């Protein structure tokens, strides 16, 4: 089965979108928001890396994917700590309402 190829203009646009998604991933301080944008940039980069028509665009998409994955892995512990704190906070509110 052949891998479908993107048009050249479509792959360029998707690469630009991946860069635009990486930017908030660098700037946003909330671990939830940062992880969301990094995963989104990684998914877009993965699509371009698989279906880009030229080797240069595949290389650029692979680099974007690598950056997104490395940054997401660095953000993961902070995200887990934030999610656990939120879970403790909401469970305390539920316990106090039940009394």
Protein backbone atom coordinates (compact mmCIF):
# COMPACT_ATOMS: atom_id res chain seq x y z
CA UNK A 1 0.00 0.00 0.00
CA UNK A 2 1.33 3.41 -0.96
CA UNK A 3 1.60 6.22 1.53
CA UNK A 4 -0.54 9.16 0.40
CA UNK A 5 1.41 12.29 -0.42
CA UNK A 6 0.48 15.84 0.49
CA UNK A 7 0.58 18.66 -1.98
CA UNK A 8 3.64 20.85 -1.65
CA UNK A 9 1.59 23.87 -0.55
CA UNK A 10 -0.33 21.76 1.99
CA UNK A 11 2.84 20.42 3.58
CA UNK A 12 4.26 23.96 3.79
CA UNK A 13 1.08 25.18 5.47
CA UNK A 14 1.07 22.29 7.92
CA UNK A 15 4.72 22.95 8.79
CA UNK A 16 3.86 26.59 9.48
CA UNK A 17 0.94 25.43 11.65
CA UNK A 18 3.26 23.10 13.58
CA UNK A 19 5.62 26.01 14.26
CA UNK A 20 2.66 28.13 15.35
CA UNK A 21 1.65 25.36 17.77
CA UNK A 22 5.19 25.03 19.11
CA UNK A 23 5.30 28.74 19.96
CA UNK A 24 2.55 28.62 22.63
CA UNK A 25 4.11 25.37 23.80
CA UNK A 26 7.19 27.39 24.65
CA UNK A 27 5.42 30.42 26.10
CA UNK A 28 2.43 29.10 28.08
CA UNK A 29 3.22 28.65 31.75
CA UNK A 30 0.38 26.25 32.53
CA UNK A 31 1.57 22.65 32.16
CA UNK A 32 -1.84 21.63 30.80
CA UNK A 33 -1.80 24.21 28.03
CA UNK A 34 1.86 23.66 27.24
CA UNK A 35 1.40 19.90 26.90
CA UNK A 36 -1.70 20.37 24.73
CA UNK A 37 0.11 22.58 22.22
CA UNK A 38 3.23 20.39 22.19
CA UNK A 39 1.17 17.26 21.47
CA UNK A 40 -0.73 19.12 18.75
CA UNK A 41 2.52 20.30 17.16
CA UNK A 42 3.90 16.76 17.35
CA UNK A 43 0.84 15.27 15.67
CA UNK A 44 0.94 17.82 12.84
CA UNK A 45 4.67 17.27 12.38
CA UNK A 46 4.17 13.50 12.29
CA UNK A 47 1.60 13.81 9.51
CA UNK A 48 3.96 15.98 7.47
CA UNK A 49 6.91 13.67 8.18
CA UNK A 50 4.99 10.72 6.78
CA UNK A 51 3.27 12.33 3.81
CA UNK A 52 5.48 15.24 2.69
CA UNK A 53 6.44 15.22 -0.99
CA UNK A 54 10.07 16.29 -0.50
CA UNK A 55 12.93 15.14 1.69
CA UNK A 56 13.57 18.65 3.01
CA UNK A 57 10.06 18.96 4.36
CA UNK A 58 10.24 15.48 5.87
CA UNK A 59 13.48 16.49 7.58
CA UNK A 60 11.96 19.74 8.88
CA UNK A 61 8.88 17.86 10.11
CA UNK A 62 11.06 15.25 11.79
CA UNK A 63 12.98 18.00 13.56
CA UNK A 64 9.70 19.58 14.68
CA UNK A 65 8.48 16.22 15.92
CA UNK A 66 11.71 15.67 17.84
CA UNK A 67 11.49 19.11 19.48
CA UNK A 68 7.83 18.58 20.42
CA UNK A 69 8.49 15.12 21.91
CA UNK A 70 11.53 16.25 23.92
CA UNK A 71 9.70 19.27 25.29
CA UNK A 72 6.58 17.22 26.09
CA UNK A 73 8.69 14.69 27.99
CA UNK A 74 10.24 17.53 29.99
CA UNK A 75 6.79 18.97 30.73
CA UNK A 76 5.21 15.64 31.75
CA UNK A 77 6.38 15.54 35.42
CA UNK A 78 5.18 19.10 35.97
CA UNK A 79 1.84 18.22 34.36
CA UNK A 80 1.43 15.12 36.58
CA UNK A 81 2.17 17.14 39.72
CA UNK A 82 -0.35 19.77 38.66
CA UNK A 83 -3.00 17.14 37.86
CA UNK A 84 -2.44 15.36 41.19
CA UNK A 85 -2.75 18.65 43.08
CA UNK A 86 -5.98 19.40 41.23
CA UNK A 87 -7.32 15.93 42.04
CA UNK A 88 -6.56 16.41 45.76
CA UNK A 89 -8.19 19.85 45.69
CA UNK A 90 -11.40 18.64 44.07
CA UNK A 91 -11.66 15.54 46.28
CA UNK A 92 -11.39 17.75 49.39
CA UNK A 93 -14.24 19.90 48.09
CA UNK A 94 -16.40 16.83 47.47
CA UNK A 95 -15.67 15.48 50.96
CA UNK A 96 -16.60 18.79 52.59
CA UNK A 97 -19.89 18.94 50.65
CA UNK A 98 -20.82 15.43 51.76
CA UNK A 99 -20.64 16.29 55.45
